[in-house]
Amino acid sequence: MEPLTQKSLEMFFEEYGIIDPTKKACLLPLLTPLVYNYNMDIVKLESEGDVYKQKQLQTSIEELAQKIKEVMEETPC
């Protein structure tokens, strides 16, 4: 598994092949809080020493990544 790193909104747009500015504008308010939480959990994970809490954060990050994917693929813009 590749190491988890913070990603910008633009990085997620590139990952899912979204280049249309209109679609980006439509997705922006839906994705901003998800990407923020994703990045904050990565920051917390990097400083967390407790293995149990690390696993909780990894699960949260995976769930947020899945939700971001769903928004990217299923939102009709």
PDB file of N, CA and C in Angstrom:
ATOM      1  N   MET A   1       0.839  -1.179   0.000  1.00  0.00           N
ATOM      2  CA  MET A   1       0.000   0.000   0.000  1.00  0.00           C
ATOM      3  C   MET A   1       0.886   1.245   0.000  1.00  0.00           C
ATOM      4  N   GLU A   2       0.562   2.198  -0.844  1.00  0.00           N
ATOM      5  CA  GLU A   2       1.344   3.423  -0.910  1.00  0.00           C
ATOM      6  C   GLU A   2       1.103   4.248   0.341  1.00  0.00           C
ATOM      7  N   PRO A   3       2.114   5.002   0.783  1.00  0.00           N
ATOM      8  CA  PRO A   3       1.921   5.827   1.980  1.00  0.00           C
ATOM      9  C   PRO A   3       0.862   6.903   1.737  1.00  0.00           C
ATOM     10  N   LEU A   4       0.098   7.158   2.764  1.00  0.00           N
ATOM     11  CA  LEU A   4      -0.959   8.168   2.664  1.00  0.00           C
ATOM     12  C   LEU A   4      -0.340   9.561   2.731  1.00  0.00           C
ATOM     13  N   THR A   5      -0.744  10.403   1.814  1.00  0.00           N
ATOM     14  CA  THR A   5      -0.261  11.783   1.792  1.00  0.00           C
ATOM     15  C   THR A   5      -1.447  12.713   1.573  1.00  0.00           C
ATOM     16  N   GLN A   6      -1.274  13.946   1.994  1.00  0.00           N
ATOM     17  CA  GLN A   6      -2.312  14.944   1.781  1.00  0.00           C
ATOM     18  C   GLN A   6      -2.459  15.204   0.284  1.00  0.00           C
ATOM     19  N   LYS A   7      -3.680  15.536  -0.124  1.00  0.00           N
ATOM     20  CA  LYS A   7      -3.967  15.830  -1.526  1.00  0.00           C
ATOM     21  C   LYS A   7      -4.799  17.100  -1.614  1.00  0.00           C
ATOM     22  N   SER A   8      -4.543  17.866  -2.653  1.00  0.00           N
ATOM     23  CA  SER A   8      -5.352  19.062  -2.904  1.00  0.00           C
ATOM     24  C   SER A   8      -6.595  18.662  -3.698  1.00  0.00           C
ATOM     25  N   LEU A   9      -7.553  19.562  -3.758  1.00  0.00           N
ATOM     26  CA  LEU A   9      -8.732  19.324  -4.586  1.00  0.00           C
ATOM     27  C   LEU A   9      -8.320  19.064  -6.030  1.00  0.00           C
ATOM     28  N   GLU A  10      -7.369  19.841  -6.505  1.00  0.00           N
ATOM     29  CA  GLU A  10      -6.916  19.693  -7.894  1.00  0.00           C
ATOM     30  C   GLU A  10      -6.310  18.302  -8.131  1.00  0.00           C
ATOM     31  N   MET A  11      -5.628  17.760  -7.133  1.00  0.00           N
ATOM     32  CA  MET A  11      -5.058  16.414  -7.271  1.00  0.00           C
ATOM     33  C   MET A  11      -6.176  15.371  -7.414  1.00  0.00           C
ATOM     34  N   PHE A  12      -7.248  15.553  -6.658  1.00  0.00           N
ATOM     35  CA  PHE A  12      -8.385  14.635  -6.784  1.00  0.00           C
ATOM     36  C   PHE A  12      -9.043  14.788  -8.152  1.00  0.00           C
ATOM     37  N   PHE A  13      -9.181  16.028  -8.629  1.00  0.00           N
ATOM     38  CA  PHE A  13      -9.753  16.240  -9.963  1.00  0.00           C
ATOM     39  C   PHE A  13      -8.904  15.535 -11.022  1.00  0.00           C
ATOM     40  N   GLU A  14      -7.592  15.648 -10.932  1.00  0.00           N
ATOM     41  CA  GLU A  14      -6.705  14.980 -11.887  1.00  0.00           C
ATOM     42  C   GLU A  14      -6.844  13.461 -11.793  1.00  0.00           C
ATOM     43  N   GLU A  15      -6.923  12.955 -10.567  1.00  0.00           N
ATOM     44  CA  GLU A  15      -7.039  11.510 -10.345  1.00  0.00           C
ATOM     45  C   GLU A  15      -8.288  10.936 -11.019  1.00  0.00           C
ATOM     46  N   TYR A  16      -9.374  11.699 -11.012  1.00  0.00           N
ATOM     47  CA  TYR A  16     -10.627  11.222 -11.589  1.00  0.00           C
ATOM     48  C   TYR A  16     -10.891  11.786 -12.975  1.00  0.00           C
ATOM     49  N   GLY A  17      -9.909  12.469 -13.551  1.00  0.00           N
ATOM     50  CA  GLY A  17     -10.011  12.946 -14.926  1.00  0.00           C
ATOM     51  C   GLY A  17     -11.028  14.053 -15.139  1.00  0.00           C
ATOM     52  N   ILE A  18     -11.242  14.876 -14.151  1.00  0.00           N
ATOM     53  CA  ILE A  18     -12.207  15.971 -14.273  1.00  0.00           C
ATOM     54  C   ILE A  18     -11.446  17.234 -14.662  1.00  0.00           C
ATOM     55  N   ILE A  19     -11.697  17.695 -15.884  1.00  0.00           N
ATOM     56  CA  ILE A  19     -10.993  18.876 -16.379  1.00  0.00           C
ATOM     57  C   ILE A  19     -11.942  20.022 -16.717  1.00  0.00           C
ATOM     58  N   ASP A  20     -13.218  19.747 -16.817  1.00  0.00           N
ATOM     59  CA  ASP A  20     -14.214  20.764 -17.148  1.00  0.00           C
ATOM     60  C   ASP A  20     -14.388  21.747 -15.979  1.00  0.00           C
ATOM     61  N   PRO A  21     -14.100  23.029 -16.192  1.00  0.00           N
ATOM     62  CA  PRO A  21     -14.227  24.020 -15.115  1.00  0.00           C
ATOM     63  C   PRO A  21     -15.635  24.110 -14.528  1.00  0.00           C
ATOM     64  N   THR A  22     -16.649  23.901 -15.349  1.00  0.00           N
ATOM     65  CA  THR A  22     -18.030  23.957 -14.865  1.00  0.00           C
ATOM     66  C   THR A  22     -18.302  22.809 -13.899  1.00  0.00           C
ATOM     67  N   LYS A  23     -17.823  21.624 -14.247  1.00  0.00           N
ATOM     68  CA  LYS A  23     -18.009  20.465 -13.364  1.00  0.00           C
ATOM     69  C   LYS A  23     -17.213  20.649 -12.073  1.00  0.00           C
ATOM     70  N   LYS A  24     -16.011  21.197 -12.187  1.00  0.00           N
ATOM     71  CA  LYS A  24     -15.211  21.462 -10.989  1.00  0.00           C
ATOM     72  C   LYS A  24     -15.954  22.415 -10.055  1.00  0.00           C
ATOM     73  N   ALA A  25     -16.534  23.464 -10.631  1.00  0.00           N
ATOM     74  CA  ALA A  25     -17.274  24.444  -9.832  1.00  0.00           C
ATOM     75  C   ALA A  25     -18.480  23.814  -9.150  1.00  0.00           C
ATOM     76  N   CYS A  26     -19.119  22.891  -9.843  1.00  0.00           N
ATOM     77  CA  CYS A  26     -20.274  22.185  -9.281  1.00  0.00           C
ATOM     78  C   CYS A  26     -19.853  21.278  -8.118  1.00  0.00           C
ATOM     79  N   LEU A  27     -18.726  20.610  -8.271  1.00  0.00           N
ATOM     80  CA  LEU A  27     -18.256  19.657  -7.266  1.00  0.00           C
ATOM     81  C   LEU A  27     -17.576  20.322  -6.068  1.00  0.00           C
ATOM     82  N   LEU A  28     -17.059  21.507  -6.272  1.00  0.00           N
ATOM     83  CA  LEU A  28     -16.264  22.178  -5.247  1.00  0.00           C
ATOM     84  C   LEU A  28     -16.941  22.242  -3.872  1.00  0.00           C
ATOM     85  N   PRO A  29     -18.188  22.717  -3.763  1.00  0.00           N
ATOM     86  CA  PRO A  29     -18.791  22.788  -2.424  1.00  0.00           C
ATOM     87  C   PRO A  29     -19.059  21.416  -1.804  1.00  0.00           C
ATOM     88  N   LEU A  30     -19.211  20.395  -2.630  1.00  0.00           N
ATOM     89  CA  LEU A  30     -19.432  19.041  -2.110  1.00  0.00           C
ATOM     90  C   LEU A  30     -18.138  18.404  -1.624  1.00  0.00           C
ATOM     91  N   LEU A  31     -17.048  18.702  -2.312  1.00  0.00           N
ATOM     92  CA  LEU A  31     -15.773  18.048  -2.022  1.00  0.00           C
ATOM     93  C   LEU A  31     -14.932  18.752  -0.971  1.00  0.00           C
ATOM     94  N   THR A  32     -15.068  20.065  -0.858  1.00  0.00           N
ATOM     95  CA  THR A  32     -14.197  20.824   0.036  1.00  0.00           C
ATOM     96  C   THR A  32     -14.176  20.273   1.462  1.00  0.00           C
ATOM     97  N   PRO A  33     -15.325  20.040   2.109  1.00  0.00           N
ATOM     98  CA  PRO A  33     -15.259  19.517   3.482  1.00  0.00           C
ATOM     99  C   PRO A  33     -14.698  18.092   3.548  1.00  0.00           C
ATOM    100  N   LEU A  34     -14.961  17.282   2.522  1.00  0.00           N
ATOM    101  CA  LEU A  34     -14.442  15.913   2.510  1.00  0.00           C
ATOM    102  C   LEU A  34     -12.922  15.906   2.389  1.00  0.00           C
ATOM    103  N   VAL A  35     -12.400  16.717   1.479  1.00  0.00           N
ATOM    104  CA  VAL A  35     -10.951  16.779   1.272  1.00  0.00           C
ATOM    105  C   VAL A  35     -10.268  17.379   2.507  1.00  0.00           C
ATOM    106  N   TYR A  36     -10.894  18.367   3.110  1.00  0.00           N
ATOM    107  CA  TYR A  36     -10.344  18.954   4.337  1.00  0.00           C
ATOM    108  C   TYR A  36     -10.229  17.880   5.427  1.00  0.00           C
ATOM    109  N   ASN A  37     -11.297  17.144   5.649  1.00  0.00           N
ATOM    110  CA  ASN A  37     -11.275  16.097   6.681  1.00  0.00           C
ATOM    111  C   ASN A  37     -10.271  14.998   6.344  1.00  0.00           C
ATOM    112  N   TYR A  38     -10.176  14.649   5.070  1.00  0.00           N
ATOM    113  CA  TYR A  38      -9.208  13.653   4.613  1.00  0.00           C
ATOM    114  C   TYR A  38      -7.789  14.105   4.990  1.00  0.00           C
ATOM    115  N   ASN A  39      -7.458  15.352   4.656  1.00  0.00           N
ATOM    116  CA  ASN A  39      -6.119  15.863   4.941  1.00  0.00           C
ATOM    117  C   ASN A  39      -5.861  16.013   6.441  1.00  0.00           C
ATOM    118  N   MET A  40      -6.872  16.431   7.187  1.00  0.00           N
ATOM    119  CA  MET A  40      -6.689  16.575   8.640  1.00  0.00           C
ATOM    120  C   MET A  40      -6.456  15.217   9.297  1.00  0.00           C
ATOM    121  N   ASP A  41      -7.148  14.182   8.829  1.00  0.00           N
ATOM    122  CA  ASP A  41      -6.927  12.844   9.376  1.00  0.00           C
ATOM    123  C   ASP A  41      -5.515  12.353   9.055  1.00  0.00           C
ATOM    124  N   ILE A  42      -4.993  12.702   7.909  1.00  0.00           N
ATOM    125  CA  ILE A  42      -3.615  12.319   7.566  1.00  0.00           C
ATOM    126  C   ILE A  42      -2.628  13.041   8.495  1.00  0.00           C
ATOM    127  N   VAL A  43      -2.879  14.315   8.766  1.00  0.00           N
ATOM    128  CA  VAL A  43      -2.019  15.056   9.697  1.00  0.00           C
ATOM    129  C   VAL A  43      -2.053  14.399  11.070  1.00  0.00           C
ATOM    130  N   LYS A  44      -3.244  14.042  11.534  1.00  0.00           N
ATOM    131  CA  LYS A  44      -3.379  13.376  12.840  1.00  0.00           C
ATOM    132  C   LYS A  44      -2.673  12.028  12.831  1.00  0.00           C
ATOM    133  N   LEU A  45      -2.812  11.278  11.743  1.00  0.00           N
ATOM    134  CA  LEU A  45      -2.189   9.964  11.631  1.00  0.00           C
ATOM    135  C   LEU A  45      -0.670  10.061  11.731  1.00  0.00           C
ATOM    136  N   GLU A  46      -0.106  11.085  11.099  1.00  0.00           N
ATOM    137  CA  GLU A  46       1.345  11.260  11.100  1.00  0.00           C
ATOM    138  C   GLU A  46       1.903  11.492  12.501  1.00  0.00           C
ATOM    139  N   SER A  47       1.099  12.050  13.396  1.00  0.00           N
ATOM    140  CA  SER A  47       1.595  12.350  14.740  1.00  0.00           C
ATOM    141  C   SER A  47       1.066  11.389  15.811  1.00  0.00           C
ATOM    142  N   GLU A  48       0.204  10.464  15.422  1.00  0.00           N
ATOM    143  CA  GLU A  48      -0.417   9.560  16.393  1.00  0.00           C
ATOM    144  C   GLU A  48       0.528   8.408  16.728  1.00  0.00           C
ATOM    145  N   GLY A  49       0.702   8.163  18.028  1.00  0.00           N
ATOM    146  CA  GLY A  49       1.575   7.080  18.478  1.00  0.00           C
ATOM    147  C   GLY A  49       0.816   5.816  18.844  1.00  0.00           C
ATOM    148  N   ASP A  50      -0.447   5.943  19.174  1.00  0.00           N
ATOM    149  CA  ASP A  50      -1.268   4.804  19.591  1.00  0.00           C
ATOM    150  C   ASP A  50      -1.704   4.002  18.363  1.00  0.00           C
ATOM    151  N   VAL A  51      -1.381   2.708  18.349  1.00  0.00           N
ATOM    152  CA  VAL A  51      -1.668   1.853  17.197  1.00  0.00           C
ATOM    153  C   VAL A  51      -3.171   1.757  16.944  1.00  0.00           C
ATOM    154  N   TYR A  52      -3.970   1.650  18.005  1.00  0.00           N
ATOM    155  CA  TYR A  52      -5.418   1.553  17.847  1.00  0.00           C
ATOM    156  C   TYR A  52      -5.979   2.816  17.191  1.00  0.00           C
ATOM    157  N   LYS A  53      -5.524   3.972  17.648  1.00  0.00           N
ATOM    158  CA  LYS A  53      -5.994   5.233  17.068  1.00  0.00           C
ATOM    159  C   LYS A  53      -5.510   5.390  15.631  1.00  0.00           C
ATOM    160  N   GLN A  54      -4.314   4.869  15.337  1.00  0.00           N
ATOM    161  CA  GLN A  54      -3.813   4.898  13.964  1.00  0.00           C
ATOM    162  C   GLN A  54      -4.748   4.110  13.043  1.00  0.00           C
ATOM    163  N   LYS A  55      -5.191   2.946  13.509  1.00  0.00           N
ATOM    164  CA  LYS A  55      -6.104   2.126  12.698  1.00  0.00           C
ATOM    165  C   LYS A  55      -7.440   2.830  12.508  1.00  0.00           C
ATOM    166  N   GLN A  56      -7.922   3.507  13.544  1.00  0.00           N
ATOM    167  CA  GLN A  56      -9.167   4.266  13.423  1.00  0.00           C
ATOM    168  C   GLN A  56      -9.020   5.368  12.377  1.00  0.00           C
ATOM    169  N   LEU A  57      -7.909   6.070  12.412  1.00  0.00           N
ATOM    170  CA  LEU A  57      -7.670   7.146  11.449  1.00  0.00           C
ATOM    171  C   LEU A  57      -7.535   6.592  10.031  1.00  0.00           C
ATOM    172  N   GLN A  58      -6.865   5.471   9.876  1.00  0.00           N
ATOM    173  CA  GLN A  58      -6.734   4.857   8.554  1.00  0.00           C
ATOM    174  C   GLN A  58      -8.097   4.464   8.004  1.00  0.00           C
ATOM    175  N   THR A  59      -8.953   3.936   8.860  1.00  0.00           N
ATOM    176  CA  THR A  59     -10.305   3.574   8.440  1.00  0.00           C
ATOM    177  C   THR A  59     -11.081   4.821   8.032  1.00  0.00           C
ATOM    178  N   SER A  60     -10.950   5.875   8.808  1.00  0.00           N
ATOM    179  CA  SER A  60     -11.628   7.137   8.487  1.00  0.00           C
ATOM    180  C   SER A  60     -11.139   7.688   7.147  1.00  0.00           C
ATOM    181  N   ILE A  61      -9.839   7.634   6.908  1.00  0.00           N
ATOM    182  CA  ILE A  61      -9.267   8.123   5.654  1.00  0.00           C
ATOM    183  C   ILE A  61      -9.786   7.307   4.478  1.00  0.00           C
ATOM    184  N   GLU A  62      -9.851   5.991   4.638  1.00  0.00           N
ATOM    185  CA  GLU A  62     -10.369   5.121   3.572  1.00  0.00           C
ATOM    186  C   GLU A  62     -11.833   5.431   3.279  1.00  0.00           C
ATOM    187  N   GLU A  63     -12.623   5.661   4.327  1.00  0.00           N
ATOM    188  CA  GLU A  63     -14.036   5.987   4.144  1.00  0.00           C
ATOM    189  C   GLU A  63     -14.202   7.337   3.443  1.00  0.00           C
ATOM    190  N   LEU A  64     -13.384   8.308   3.812  1.00  0.00           N
ATOM    191  CA  LEU A  64     -13.443   9.616   3.163  1.00  0.00           C
ATOM    192  C   LEU A  64     -13.031   9.512   1.697  1.00  0.00           C
ATOM    193  N   ALA A  65     -12.008   8.721   1.418  1.00  0.00           N
ATOM    194  CA  ALA A  65     -11.575   8.524   0.023  1.00  0.00           C
ATOM    195  C   ALA A  65     -12.688   7.885  -0.792  1.00  0.00           C
ATOM    196  N   GLN A  66     -13.407   6.943  -0.201  1.00  0.00           N
ATOM    197  CA  GLN A  66     -14.521   6.303  -0.887  1.00  0.00           C
ATOM    198  C   GLN A  66     -15.645   7.294  -1.150  1.00  0.00           C
ATOM    199  N   LYS A  67     -15.938   8.139  -0.166  1.00  0.00           N
ATOM    200  CA  LYS A  67     -16.985   9.148  -0.325  1.00  0.00           C
ATOM    201  C   LYS A  67     -16.603  10.157  -1.404  1.00  0.00           C
ATOM    202  N   ILE A  68     -15.329  10.557  -1.437  1.00  0.00           N
ATOM    203  CA  ILE A  68     -14.850  11.476  -2.476  1.00  0.00           C
ATOM    204  C   ILE A  68     -15.027  10.827  -3.842  1.00  0.00           C
ATOM    205  N   LYS A  69     -14.699   9.558  -3.946  1.00  0.00           N
ATOM    206  CA  LYS A  69     -14.863   8.829  -5.206  1.00  0.00           C
ATOM    207  C   LYS A  69     -16.323   8.816  -5.629  1.00  0.00           C
ATOM    208  N   GLU A  70     -17.221   8.542  -4.688  1.00  0.00           N
ATOM    209  CA  GLU A  70     -18.652   8.507  -4.996  1.00  0.00           C
ATOM    210  C   GLU A  70     -19.137   9.863  -5.493  1.00  0.00           C
ATOM    211  N   VAL A  71     -18.724  10.932  -4.837  1.00  0.00           N
ATOM    212  CA  VAL A  71     -19.141  12.271  -5.256  1.00  0.00           C
ATOM    213  C   VAL A  71     -18.623  12.557  -6.664  1.00  0.00           C
ATOM    214  N   MET A  72     -17.373  12.223  -6.909  1.00  0.00           N
ATOM    215  CA  MET A  72     -16.760  12.472  -8.220  1.00  0.00           C
ATOM    216  C   MET A  72     -17.482  11.722  -9.338  1.00  0.00           C
ATOM    217  N   GLU A  73     -17.831  10.480  -9.067  1.00  0.00           N
ATOM    218  CA  GLU A  73     -18.389   9.623 -10.110  1.00  0.00           C
ATOM    219  C   GLU A  73     -19.901   9.701 -10.234  1.00  0.00           C
ATOM    220  N   GLU A  74     -20.605  10.068  -9.156  1.00  0.00           N
ATOM    221  CA  GLU A  74     -22.064   9.953  -9.184  1.00  0.00           C
ATOM    222  C   GLU A  74     -22.800  11.289  -9.193  1.00  0.00           C
ATOM    223  N   THR A  75     -22.107  12.391  -8.973  1.00  0.00           N
ATOM    224  CA  THR A  75     -22.776  13.686  -8.926  1.00  0.00           C
ATOM    225  C   THR A  75     -23.021  14.180 -10.357  1.00  0.00           C
ATOM    226  N   PRO A  76     -24.293  14.392 -10.709  1.00  0.00           N
ATOM    227  CA  PRO A  76     -24.585  14.875 -12.055  1.00  0.00           C
ATOM    228  C   PRO A  76     -24.401  16.389 -12.145  1.00  0.00           C
ATOM    229  N   CYS A  77     -23.321  16.789 -12.734  1.00  0.00           N
ATOM    230  CA  CYS A  77     -23.053  18.225 -12.914  1.00  0.00           C
ATOM    231  C   CYS A  77     -23.088  18.560 -14.380  1.00  0.00           C
TER     232      CYS A  77
END
